[in-house]
Amino acid sequence: MKILVFTDSHGNKSSIKRIIEKSKEVDIVVCAGDLSNFSIDLDVVLNQLKAIKKPLLIIHGNHEMGSELKKLCKKYGFIYIHKGIYRVDNYSFIGFGGGGFSKIDLEFENWSKNIKKEKNEIIVLVTHAPVYNTKLDFLKGIGHAGNLSIRKFINRINPKLVICGHFHENFGVVDKINQTKIINPGNEGKVLFI
């Protein structure tokens, strides 16, 4: 499967334009949050994204309210996957939005504890928060500032891919935990084969 993944576009018109262009060559588009600047012009951005003629899976970041984004996704026919799973063939896209600032996320831990990997299932985890103790959560002068709860989930489930964002400093950075590829695709997106 060929997917386009992006995060943290924050309403940037040139970024949105690049996402729309790149979407023509993929099967599914996935957004890991922060489409807007604190929901300013969120409706306008989603209206622009209507030009994507593929399934668009979205979670909210720390710049949107989940309830508002969920309502607008319904309006535009996008798939809001926060605390949900979108399945196609043997792929499962698991979403958990918001956050980005906490090392431990008990809400995520409580929600995800019942998720189990089925035989031959290919799991893609989509979060806004970066994964703790990876190249994606390292900030100069601060150190590792990612989420340990997500890392524990990765160690338990071994997803094929984790898409996250939040730290603009790490756009385009890729890392691995065992066989799990982790990427912050940035605001202009990356095309991946999974």
N, C-alpha and C. Protein backbone atom coordinates (compact mmCIF):
# COMPACT_ATOMS: atom_id res chain seq x y z
N MET A 1 0.85 -1.19 0.00
CA MET A 1 0.00 0.00 0.00
C MET A 1 0.89 1.24 0.00
N LYS A 2 0.50 2.22 -0.76
CA LYS A 2 1.23 3.49 -0.86
C LYS A 2 0.44 4.57 -0.14
N ILE A 3 1.06 5.21 0.85
CA ILE A 3 0.36 6.22 1.62
C ILE A 3 1.14 7.53 1.63
N LEU A 4 0.40 8.61 1.83
CA LEU A 4 1.00 9.94 2.04
C LEU A 4 0.71 10.33 3.47
N VAL A 5 1.77 10.67 4.21
CA VAL A 5 1.61 11.05 5.61
C VAL A 5 2.14 12.47 5.81
N PHE A 6 1.43 13.25 6.64
CA PHE A 6 1.88 14.61 6.94
C PHE A 6 1.38 15.04 8.30
N THR A 7 1.97 16.12 8.80
CA THR A 7 1.61 16.65 10.11
C THR A 7 1.95 18.13 10.18
N ASP A 8 1.34 18.83 11.10
CA ASP A 8 1.71 20.20 11.47
C ASP A 8 1.76 21.17 10.29
N SER A 9 0.75 21.14 9.45
CA SER A 9 0.70 22.10 8.33
C SER A 9 0.27 23.49 8.80
N HIS A 10 -0.45 23.56 9.91
CA HIS A 10 -0.85 24.83 10.53
C HIS A 10 -1.42 25.83 9.53
N GLY A 11 -2.23 25.34 8.59
CA GLY A 11 -2.89 26.22 7.64
C GLY A 11 -2.00 26.80 6.56
N ASN A 12 -0.75 26.36 6.48
CA ASN A 12 0.17 26.88 5.48
C ASN A 12 -0.31 26.49 4.08
N LYS A 13 -0.64 27.48 3.26
CA LYS A 13 -1.25 27.23 1.96
C LYS A 13 -0.33 26.46 1.02
N SER A 14 0.96 26.76 1.02
CA SER A 14 1.86 26.03 0.12
C SER A 14 2.02 24.58 0.57
N SER A 15 2.01 24.33 1.88
CA SER A 15 2.08 22.95 2.38
C SER A 15 0.84 22.17 1.97
N ILE A 16 -0.32 22.78 2.12
CA ILE A 16 -1.58 22.13 1.75
C ILE A 16 -1.59 21.83 0.25
N LYS A 17 -1.10 22.77 -0.55
CA LYS A 17 -1.04 22.57 -1.99
C LYS A 17 -0.15 21.38 -2.34
N ARG A 18 1.00 21.25 -1.67
CA ARG A 18 1.91 20.12 -1.91
C ARG A 18 1.26 18.80 -1.51
N ILE A 19 0.53 18.81 -0.40
CA ILE A 19 -0.16 17.60 0.05
C ILE A 19 -1.18 17.16 -1.00
N ILE A 20 -1.95 18.10 -1.49
CA ILE A 20 -2.96 17.78 -2.51
C ILE A 20 -2.29 17.20 -3.76
N GLU A 21 -1.20 17.81 -4.19
CA GLU A 21 -0.48 17.31 -5.38
C GLU A 21 0.03 15.88 -5.16
N LYS A 22 0.68 15.66 -4.02
CA LYS A 22 1.25 14.34 -3.73
C LYS A 22 0.18 13.27 -3.55
N SER A 23 -1.03 13.67 -3.13
CA SER A 23 -2.09 12.69 -2.86
C SER A 23 -2.53 11.94 -4.12
N LYS A 24 -2.27 12.49 -5.27
CA LYS A 24 -2.70 11.86 -6.53
C LYS A 24 -2.00 10.53 -6.77
N GLU A 25 -0.85 10.31 -6.14
CA GLU A 25 -0.05 9.11 -6.40
C GLU A 25 -0.15 8.04 -5.32
N VAL A 26 -1.09 8.18 -4.37
CA VAL A 26 -1.16 7.25 -3.24
C VAL A 26 -2.55 6.64 -3.09
N ASP A 27 -2.65 5.65 -2.19
CA ASP A 27 -3.93 5.00 -1.90
C ASP A 27 -4.69 5.67 -0.77
N ILE A 28 -3.93 6.13 0.25
CA ILE A 28 -4.52 6.73 1.46
C ILE A 28 -3.65 7.89 1.90
N VAL A 29 -4.29 8.92 2.48
CA VAL A 29 -3.58 10.07 3.05
C VAL A 29 -3.85 10.08 4.55
N VAL A 30 -2.80 10.33 5.34
CA VAL A 30 -2.91 10.31 6.80
C VAL A 30 -2.33 11.60 7.38
N CYS A 31 -3.10 12.28 8.23
CA CYS A 31 -2.66 13.50 8.90
C CYS A 31 -2.53 13.26 10.40
N ALA A 32 -1.35 13.58 10.96
CA ALA A 32 -1.09 13.38 12.39
C ALA A 32 -1.32 14.66 13.20
N GLY A 33 -2.25 15.50 12.77
CA GLY A 33 -2.69 16.64 13.57
C GLY A 33 -2.07 17.98 13.24
N ASP A 34 -2.61 18.99 13.90
CA ASP A 34 -2.22 20.40 13.74
C ASP A 34 -2.35 20.90 12.31
N LEU A 35 -3.57 20.76 11.79
CA LEU A 35 -3.91 21.31 10.48
C LEU A 35 -4.04 22.83 10.53
N SER A 36 -4.27 23.37 11.71
CA SER A 36 -4.56 24.79 11.85
C SER A 36 -3.71 25.42 12.96
N ASN A 37 -3.94 26.71 13.18
CA ASN A 37 -3.36 27.43 14.31
C ASN A 37 -4.47 27.70 15.30
N PHE A 38 -4.61 26.82 16.26
CA PHE A 38 -5.65 26.92 17.29
C PHE A 38 -7.04 27.08 16.67
N SER A 39 -7.30 26.23 15.67
CA SER A 39 -8.59 26.12 14.97
C SER A 39 -8.94 27.30 14.07
N ILE A 40 -8.06 28.31 14.00
CA ILE A 40 -8.31 29.42 13.07
C ILE A 40 -8.22 28.86 11.65
N ASP A 41 -9.22 29.10 10.87
CA ASP A 41 -9.30 28.65 9.48
C ASP A 41 -9.30 27.14 9.31
N LEU A 42 -9.66 26.40 10.34
CA LEU A 42 -9.71 24.94 10.22
C LEU A 42 -10.71 24.52 9.14
N ASP A 43 -11.86 25.15 9.13
CA ASP A 43 -12.88 24.84 8.11
C ASP A 43 -12.35 25.14 6.71
N VAL A 44 -11.61 26.25 6.57
CA VAL A 44 -11.04 26.63 5.27
C VAL A 44 -10.03 25.59 4.81
N VAL A 45 -9.16 25.14 5.72
CA VAL A 45 -8.14 24.14 5.38
C VAL A 45 -8.79 22.83 4.95
N LEU A 46 -9.78 22.38 5.71
CA LEU A 46 -10.45 21.13 5.36
C LEU A 46 -11.20 21.26 4.03
N ASN A 47 -11.75 22.42 3.76
CA ASN A 47 -12.41 22.64 2.48
C ASN A 47 -11.40 22.51 1.33
N GLN A 48 -10.18 23.03 1.54
CA GLN A 48 -9.14 22.88 0.52
C GLN A 48 -8.77 21.42 0.32
N LEU A 49 -8.72 20.67 1.40
CA LEU A 49 -8.34 19.26 1.33
C LEU A 49 -9.39 18.39 0.65
N LYS A 50 -10.57 18.94 0.38
CA LYS A 50 -11.59 18.20 -0.38
C LYS A 50 -11.05 17.78 -1.74
N ALA A 51 -10.05 18.48 -2.23
CA ALA A 51 -9.45 18.15 -3.53
C ALA A 51 -8.76 16.79 -3.52
N ILE A 52 -8.50 16.25 -2.34
CA ILE A 52 -7.92 14.92 -2.22
C ILE A 52 -9.03 13.91 -2.49
N LYS A 53 -8.83 13.09 -3.46
CA LYS A 53 -9.87 12.13 -3.86
C LYS A 53 -9.57 10.72 -3.35
N LYS A 54 -8.87 10.65 -2.25
CA LYS A 54 -8.52 9.37 -1.60
C LYS A 54 -9.02 9.44 -0.16
N PRO A 55 -9.12 8.29 0.53
CA PRO A 55 -9.46 8.36 1.95
C PRO A 55 -8.44 9.22 2.70
N LEU A 56 -8.93 10.15 3.51
CA LEU A 56 -8.08 11.02 4.32
C LEU A 56 -8.36 10.73 5.78
N LEU A 57 -7.38 10.13 6.47
CA LEU A 57 -7.49 9.80 7.88
C LEU A 57 -6.86 10.92 8.69
N ILE A 58 -7.57 11.38 9.73
CA ILE A 58 -7.11 12.55 10.49
C ILE A 58 -7.26 12.32 12.00
N ILE A 59 -6.27 12.81 12.74
CA ILE A 59 -6.40 12.99 14.19
C ILE A 59 -6.16 14.47 14.48
N HIS A 60 -6.57 14.91 15.65
CA HIS A 60 -6.30 16.29 16.03
C HIS A 60 -4.93 16.38 16.71
N GLY A 61 -4.33 17.56 16.62
CA GLY A 61 -3.09 17.81 17.32
C GLY A 61 -3.39 18.64 18.56
N ASN A 62 -2.42 19.41 19.01
CA ASN A 62 -2.65 20.28 20.16
C ASN A 62 -3.19 21.64 19.73
N HIS A 63 -3.36 21.85 18.43
CA HIS A 63 -3.90 23.12 17.92
C HIS A 63 -5.36 23.03 17.51
N GLU A 64 -5.98 21.86 17.66
CA GLU A 64 -7.40 21.72 17.36
C GLU A 64 -8.12 21.07 18.53
N MET A 65 -9.39 21.36 18.62
CA MET A 65 -10.24 20.63 19.56
C MET A 65 -10.77 19.41 18.84
N GLY A 66 -10.65 18.27 19.47
CA GLY A 66 -11.09 17.04 18.84
C GLY A 66 -12.54 17.06 18.41
N SER A 67 -13.41 17.61 19.26
CA SER A 67 -14.84 17.63 18.94
C SER A 67 -15.13 18.45 17.69
N GLU A 68 -14.43 19.57 17.55
CA GLU A 68 -14.63 20.42 16.37
C GLU A 68 -14.12 19.73 15.11
N LEU A 69 -12.94 19.13 15.19
CA LEU A 69 -12.37 18.46 14.03
C LEU A 69 -13.23 17.26 13.63
N LYS A 70 -13.74 16.53 14.60
CA LYS A 70 -14.59 15.38 14.32
C LYS A 70 -15.83 15.82 13.53
N LYS A 71 -16.45 16.91 13.96
CA LYS A 71 -17.63 17.43 13.29
C LYS A 71 -17.31 17.86 11.85
N LEU A 72 -16.17 18.54 11.67
CA LEU A 72 -15.80 19.01 10.34
C LEU A 72 -15.38 17.84 9.43
N CYS A 73 -14.78 16.82 9.99
CA CYS A 73 -14.44 15.63 9.18
C CYS A 73 -15.72 14.99 8.64
N LYS A 74 -16.73 14.94 9.47
CA LYS A 74 -18.02 14.39 9.03
C LYS A 74 -18.60 15.24 7.89
N LYS A 75 -18.50 16.55 8.04
CA LYS A 75 -19.00 17.49 7.02
C LYS A 75 -18.32 17.26 5.67
N TYR A 76 -17.01 17.02 5.67
CA TYR A 76 -16.25 16.91 4.43
C TYR A 76 -16.00 15.47 3.97
N GLY A 77 -16.45 14.51 4.75
CA GLY A 77 -16.29 13.12 4.35
C GLY A 77 -14.92 12.53 4.64
N PHE A 78 -14.21 13.13 5.58
CA PHE A 78 -12.91 12.61 5.99
C PHE A 78 -13.11 11.63 7.15
N ILE A 79 -12.09 10.86 7.46
CA ILE A 79 -12.19 9.81 8.47
C ILE A 79 -11.40 10.24 9.71
N TYR A 80 -12.13 10.57 10.76
CA TYR A 80 -11.53 10.99 12.02
C TYR A 80 -11.23 9.74 12.83
N ILE A 81 -9.94 9.48 13.10
CA ILE A 81 -9.58 8.19 13.72
C ILE A 81 -9.10 8.31 15.17
N HIS A 82 -9.30 9.46 15.81
CA HIS A 82 -8.92 9.56 17.23
C HIS A 82 -9.68 8.51 18.03
N LYS A 83 -8.95 7.71 18.79
CA LYS A 83 -9.52 6.61 19.58
C LYS A 83 -10.32 5.66 18.70
N GLY A 84 -9.83 5.47 17.49
CA GLY A 84 -10.51 4.57 16.57
C GLY A 84 -9.53 3.81 15.71
N ILE A 85 -10.08 2.91 14.93
CA ILE A 85 -9.28 2.09 14.02
C ILE A 85 -9.96 2.09 12.66
N TYR A 86 -9.20 2.41 11.63
CA TYR A 86 -9.68 2.33 10.25
C TYR A 86 -8.99 1.13 9.62
N ARG A 87 -9.82 0.19 9.15
CA ARG A 87 -9.28 -1.04 8.56
C ARG A 87 -9.54 -1.08 7.06
N VAL A 88 -8.51 -1.48 6.35
CA VAL A 88 -8.62 -1.73 4.92
C VAL A 88 -7.70 -2.91 4.61
N ASP A 89 -8.27 -3.96 4.00
CA ASP A 89 -7.54 -5.22 3.78
C ASP A 89 -6.97 -5.69 5.12
N ASN A 90 -5.68 -5.98 5.20
CA ASN A 90 -5.10 -6.43 6.47
C ASN A 90 -4.36 -5.29 7.20
N TYR A 91 -4.65 -4.04 6.81
CA TYR A 91 -4.05 -2.86 7.45
C TYR A 91 -5.02 -2.29 8.48
N SER A 92 -4.49 -1.91 9.63
CA SER A 92 -5.26 -1.24 10.68
C SER A 92 -4.55 0.05 11.04
N PHE A 93 -5.22 1.18 10.80
CA PHE A 93 -4.70 2.49 11.16
C PHE A 93 -5.32 2.88 12.49
N ILE A 94 -4.50 2.95 13.53
CA ILE A 94 -4.96 3.25 14.88
C ILE A 94 -4.59 4.69 15.20
N GLY A 95 -5.58 5.49 15.62
CA GLY A 95 -5.33 6.90 15.86
C GLY A 95 -5.53 7.33 17.29
N PHE A 96 -4.65 8.23 17.74
CA PHE A 96 -4.82 8.86 19.05
C PHE A 96 -4.26 10.27 18.95
N GLY A 97 -5.15 11.26 18.98
CA GLY A 97 -4.76 12.65 18.76
C GLY A 97 -4.54 13.44 20.03
N GLY A 98 -4.20 14.70 19.81
CA GLY A 98 -3.98 15.64 20.91
C GLY A 98 -2.63 15.44 21.56
N GLY A 99 -2.43 16.17 22.62
CA GLY A 99 -1.23 16.01 23.42
C GLY A 99 0.04 16.50 22.76
N GLY A 100 1.11 15.85 23.15
CA GLY A 100 2.42 16.23 22.66
C GLY A 100 3.31 16.77 23.75
N PHE A 101 2.74 17.01 24.92
CA PHE A 101 3.51 17.65 25.99
C PHE A 101 3.80 16.74 27.18
N SER A 102 3.11 15.60 27.28
CA SER A 102 3.27 14.78 28.49
C SER A 102 4.12 13.54 28.22
N LYS A 103 4.88 13.17 29.22
CA LYS A 103 5.71 11.97 29.13
C LYS A 103 4.85 10.71 29.31
N ILE A 104 3.85 10.81 30.16
CA ILE A 104 2.93 9.70 30.42
C ILE A 104 1.53 10.17 30.03
N ASP A 105 0.79 9.32 29.33
CA ASP A 105 -0.58 9.64 28.93
C ASP A 105 -1.49 8.49 29.37
N LEU A 106 -2.08 8.65 30.55
CA LEU A 106 -2.92 7.60 31.11
C LEU A 106 -4.16 7.35 30.27
N GLU A 107 -4.68 8.39 29.63
CA GLU A 107 -5.85 8.22 28.75
C GLU A 107 -5.49 7.28 27.60
N PHE A 108 -4.33 7.50 26.98
CA PHE A 108 -3.88 6.61 25.91
C PHE A 108 -3.68 5.20 26.43
N GLU A 109 -3.02 5.06 27.58
CA GLU A 109 -2.76 3.74 28.14
C GLU A 109 -4.06 2.98 28.41
N ASN A 110 -5.04 3.67 29.02
CA ASN A 110 -6.32 3.02 29.32
C ASN A 110 -7.07 2.64 28.05
N TRP A 111 -7.04 3.52 27.06
CA TRP A 111 -7.75 3.26 25.81
C TRP A 111 -7.08 2.13 25.03
N SER A 112 -5.76 2.11 24.97
CA SER A 112 -5.05 1.18 24.09
C SER A 112 -4.80 -0.19 24.70
N LYS A 113 -5.06 -0.36 25.99
CA LYS A 113 -4.69 -1.63 26.63
C LYS A 113 -5.42 -2.84 26.06
N ASN A 114 -6.58 -2.63 25.45
CA ASN A 114 -7.34 -3.75 24.89
C ASN A 114 -7.04 -4.00 23.42
N ILE A 115 -6.17 -3.21 22.83
CA ILE A 115 -5.81 -3.42 21.43
C ILE A 115 -4.82 -4.57 21.35
N LYS A 116 -5.16 -5.51 20.49
CA LYS A 116 -4.30 -6.67 20.28
C LYS A 116 -4.04 -6.81 18.79
N LYS A 117 -2.89 -7.32 18.47
CA LYS A 117 -2.51 -7.50 17.07
C LYS A 117 -2.96 -8.89 16.61
N GLU A 118 -3.74 -8.90 15.53
CA GLU A 118 -4.19 -10.16 14.95
C GLU A 118 -3.11 -10.72 14.02
N LYS A 119 -3.19 -12.00 13.76
CA LYS A 119 -2.23 -12.64 12.85
C LYS A 119 -2.33 -11.98 11.48
N ASN A 120 -1.20 -11.67 10.88
CA ASN A 120 -1.08 -11.04 9.56
C ASN A 120 -1.61 -9.60 9.50
N GLU A 121 -1.95 -9.02 10.64
CA GLU A 121 -2.42 -7.64 10.66
C GLU A 121 -1.22 -6.68 10.60
N ILE A 122 -1.32 -5.69 9.75
CA ILE A 122 -0.29 -4.65 9.64
C ILE A 122 -0.83 -3.41 10.33
N ILE A 123 -0.20 -3.03 11.44
CA ILE A 123 -0.68 -1.90 12.24
C ILE A 123 0.14 -0.65 11.95
N VAL A 124 -0.60 0.45 11.74
CA VAL A 124 -0.01 1.78 11.61
C VAL A 124 -0.60 2.62 12.73
N LEU A 125 0.26 3.11 13.63
CA LEU A 125 -0.18 3.96 14.73
C LEU A 125 0.02 5.42 14.34
N VAL A 126 -1.03 6.22 14.52
CA VAL A 126 -0.98 7.65 14.19
C VAL A 126 -1.21 8.43 15.48
N THR A 127 -0.18 9.17 15.92
CA THR A 127 -0.30 10.00 17.12
C THR A 127 0.26 11.39 16.79
N HIS A 128 -0.13 12.35 17.59
CA HIS A 128 0.49 13.66 17.43
C HIS A 128 1.78 13.73 18.24
N ALA A 129 1.75 13.13 19.41
CA ALA A 129 2.92 13.16 20.30
C ALA A 129 4.04 12.28 19.76
N PRO A 130 5.29 12.75 19.85
CA PRO A 130 6.42 11.92 19.43
C PRO A 130 6.71 10.83 20.46
N VAL A 131 7.42 9.82 20.00
CA VAL A 131 7.74 8.65 20.83
C VAL A 131 8.99 8.94 21.67
N TYR A 132 8.91 8.60 22.95
CA TYR A 132 10.00 8.86 23.89
C TYR A 132 11.28 8.13 23.52
N ASN A 133 12.39 8.82 23.75
CA ASN A 133 13.75 8.29 23.59
C ASN A 133 14.02 7.80 22.16
N THR A 134 13.65 8.65 21.20
CA THR A 134 13.94 8.41 19.79
C THR A 134 14.54 9.68 19.21
N LYS A 135 14.95 9.62 17.96
CA LYS A 135 15.46 10.81 17.28
C LYS A 135 14.34 11.84 17.08
N LEU A 136 13.09 11.40 17.13
CA LEU A 136 11.96 12.28 16.86
C LEU A 136 11.57 13.13 18.06
N ASP A 137 11.98 12.77 19.26
CA ASP A 137 11.59 13.55 20.45
C ASP A 137 12.75 14.30 21.07
N PHE A 138 13.92 14.26 20.42
CA PHE A 138 15.10 14.92 20.99
C PHE A 138 15.13 16.39 20.58
N LEU A 139 15.23 17.26 21.58
CA LEU A 139 15.32 18.70 21.35
C LEU A 139 16.61 19.21 21.99
N LYS A 140 17.37 19.99 21.24
CA LYS A 140 18.61 20.56 21.78
C LYS A 140 18.30 21.39 23.01
N GLY A 141 19.11 21.24 24.02
CA GLY A 141 18.94 22.00 25.26
C GLY A 141 17.90 21.42 26.19
N ILE A 142 17.10 20.47 25.72
CA ILE A 142 16.05 19.86 26.54
C ILE A 142 16.29 18.37 26.71
N GLY A 143 16.66 17.72 25.63
CA GLY A 143 16.82 16.27 25.66
C GLY A 143 15.59 15.59 25.10
N HIS A 144 15.32 14.38 25.57
CA HIS A 144 14.16 13.62 25.08
C HIS A 144 12.89 14.11 25.77
N ALA A 145 11.91 14.50 24.97
CA ALA A 145 10.68 15.08 25.51
C ALA A 145 9.43 14.43 24.94
N GLY A 146 9.53 13.17 24.56
CA GLY A 146 8.41 12.46 23.96
C GLY A 146 7.58 11.71 24.96
N ASN A 147 6.72 10.83 24.44
CA ASN A 147 5.73 10.14 25.24
C ASN A 147 6.13 8.68 25.48
N LEU A 148 6.31 8.33 26.74
CA LEU A 148 6.69 6.98 27.15
C LEU A 148 5.53 6.00 27.01
N SER A 149 4.30 6.46 27.19
CA SER A 149 3.13 5.58 27.05
C SER A 149 3.04 5.02 25.64
N ILE A 150 3.33 5.86 24.66
CA ILE A 150 3.30 5.41 23.26
C ILE A 150 4.43 4.41 23.02
N ARG A 151 5.58 4.68 23.59
CA ARG A 151 6.71 3.74 23.43
C ARG A 151 6.36 2.37 24.01
N LYS A 152 5.71 2.34 25.17
CA LYS A 152 5.32 1.07 25.77
C LYS A 152 4.35 0.32 24.86
N PHE A 153 3.43 1.04 24.22
CA PHE A 153 2.50 0.44 23.28
C PHE A 153 3.25 -0.18 22.10
N ILE A 154 4.24 0.55 21.58
CA ILE A 154 5.05 0.05 20.46
C ILE A 154 5.77 -1.23 20.87
N ASN A 155 6.35 -1.25 22.06
CA ASN A 155 7.04 -2.45 22.54
C ASN A 155 6.11 -3.65 22.66
N ARG A 156 4.84 -3.38 23.00
CA ARG A 156 3.87 -4.47 23.18
C ARG A 156 3.29 -4.96 21.85
N ILE A 157 2.96 -4.04 20.95
CA ILE A 157 2.23 -4.37 19.72
C ILE A 157 3.13 -4.56 18.51
N ASN A 158 4.27 -3.88 18.48
CA ASN A 158 5.17 -3.92 17.32
C ASN A 158 4.47 -3.51 16.02
N PRO A 159 3.95 -2.29 15.97
CA PRO A 159 3.33 -1.85 14.71
C PRO A 159 4.38 -1.77 13.61
N LYS A 160 3.93 -1.81 12.39
CA LYS A 160 4.84 -1.69 11.24
C LYS A 160 5.36 -0.26 11.14
N LEU A 161 4.47 0.70 11.43
CA LEU A 161 4.79 2.12 11.24
C LEU A 161 4.12 2.95 12.32
N VAL A 162 4.84 3.99 12.79
CA VAL A 162 4.27 4.99 13.69
C VAL A 162 4.48 6.36 13.03
N ILE A 163 3.39 7.10 12.88
CA ILE A 163 3.42 8.44 12.31
C ILE A 163 3.13 9.41 13.45
N CYS A 164 4.01 10.38 13.66
CA CYS A 164 3.79 11.36 14.71
C CYS A 164 4.30 12.72 14.26
N GLY A 165 4.11 13.72 15.09
CA GLY A 165 4.53 15.07 14.73
C GLY A 165 4.90 15.88 15.95
N HIS A 166 4.34 17.08 16.02
CA HIS A 166 4.44 18.00 17.14
C HIS A 166 5.74 18.81 17.15
N PHE A 167 6.89 18.16 17.05
CA PHE A 167 8.15 18.90 17.09
C PHE A 167 8.59 19.25 15.66
N HIS A 168 8.37 20.50 15.30
CA HIS A 168 8.71 20.97 13.95
C HIS A 168 10.21 20.84 13.68
N GLU A 169 10.99 20.91 14.73
CA GLU A 169 12.45 20.79 14.59
C GLU A 169 12.85 19.44 14.01
N ASN A 170 11.96 18.46 14.12
CA ASN A 170 12.29 17.10 13.70
C ASN A 170 11.51 16.66 12.46
N PHE A 171 11.03 17.62 11.67
CA PHE A 171 10.37 17.27 10.41
C PHE A 171 11.32 16.42 9.56
N GLY A 172 10.80 15.33 9.05
CA GLY A 172 11.58 14.46 8.17
C GLY A 172 12.44 13.44 8.88
N VAL A 173 12.46 13.47 10.21
CA VAL A 173 13.31 12.55 10.97
C VAL A 173 12.64 11.17 11.03
N VAL A 174 13.47 10.14 10.88
CA VAL A 174 13.01 8.75 10.91
C VAL A 174 13.86 7.99 11.93
N ASP A 175 13.24 7.07 12.63
CA ASP A 175 13.95 6.21 13.58
C ASP A 175 13.28 4.85 13.58
N LYS A 176 13.82 3.93 14.38
CA LYS A 176 13.25 2.60 14.50
C LYS A 176 13.30 2.14 15.95
N ILE A 177 12.29 1.39 16.34
CA ILE A 177 12.30 0.64 17.59
C ILE A 177 12.06 -0.80 17.17
N ASN A 178 13.06 -1.63 17.30
CA ASN A 178 13.03 -3.00 16.78
C ASN A 178 12.67 -2.94 15.29
N GLN A 179 11.53 -3.51 14.88
CA GLN A 179 11.14 -3.49 13.47
C GLN A 179 10.14 -2.39 13.14
N THR A 180 9.82 -1.55 14.12
CA THR A 180 8.84 -0.48 13.92
C THR A 180 9.52 0.78 13.41
N LYS A 181 9.10 1.23 12.25
CA LYS A 181 9.60 2.49 11.68
C LYS A 181 8.78 3.63 12.27
N ILE A 182 9.46 4.69 12.70
CA ILE A 182 8.80 5.86 13.29
C ILE A 182 9.20 7.07 12.45
N ILE A 183 8.22 7.89 12.07
CA ILE A 183 8.50 9.04 11.22
C ILE A 183 7.71 10.27 11.65
N ASN A 184 8.38 11.42 11.61
CA ASN A 184 7.72 12.72 11.67
C ASN A 184 7.79 13.23 10.22
N PRO A 185 6.70 13.10 9.47
CA PRO A 185 6.76 13.38 8.04
C PRO A 185 6.84 14.86 7.67
N GLY A 186 6.54 15.74 8.63
CA GLY A 186 6.60 17.17 8.35
C GLY A 186 5.36 17.69 7.63
N ASN A 187 5.37 18.99 7.37
CA ASN A 187 4.18 19.66 6.87
C ASN A 187 3.97 19.54 5.36
N GLU A 188 4.96 19.04 4.62
CA GLU A 188 4.76 18.82 3.18
C GLU A 188 4.60 17.35 2.86
N GLY A 189 4.71 16.51 3.86
CA GLY A 189 4.39 15.09 3.72
C GLY A 189 5.46 14.23 3.08
N LYS A 190 5.32 12.96 3.33
CA LYS A 190 6.20 11.94 2.77
C LYS A 190 5.33 10.82 2.21
N VAL A 191 5.73 10.30 1.06
CA VAL A 191 5.06 9.14 0.48
C VAL A 191 5.82 7.91 0.93
N LEU A 192 5.07 6.93 1.46
CA LEU A 192 5.67 5.70 1.99
C LEU A 192 4.97 4.48 1.41
N PHE A 193 5.72 3.40 1.29
CA PHE A 193 5.15 2.09 0.96
C PHE A 193 5.11 1.28 2.24
N ILE A 194 3.95 0.72 2.56
CA ILE A 194 3.86 -0.12 3.76
C ILE A 194 3.28 -1.48 3.37
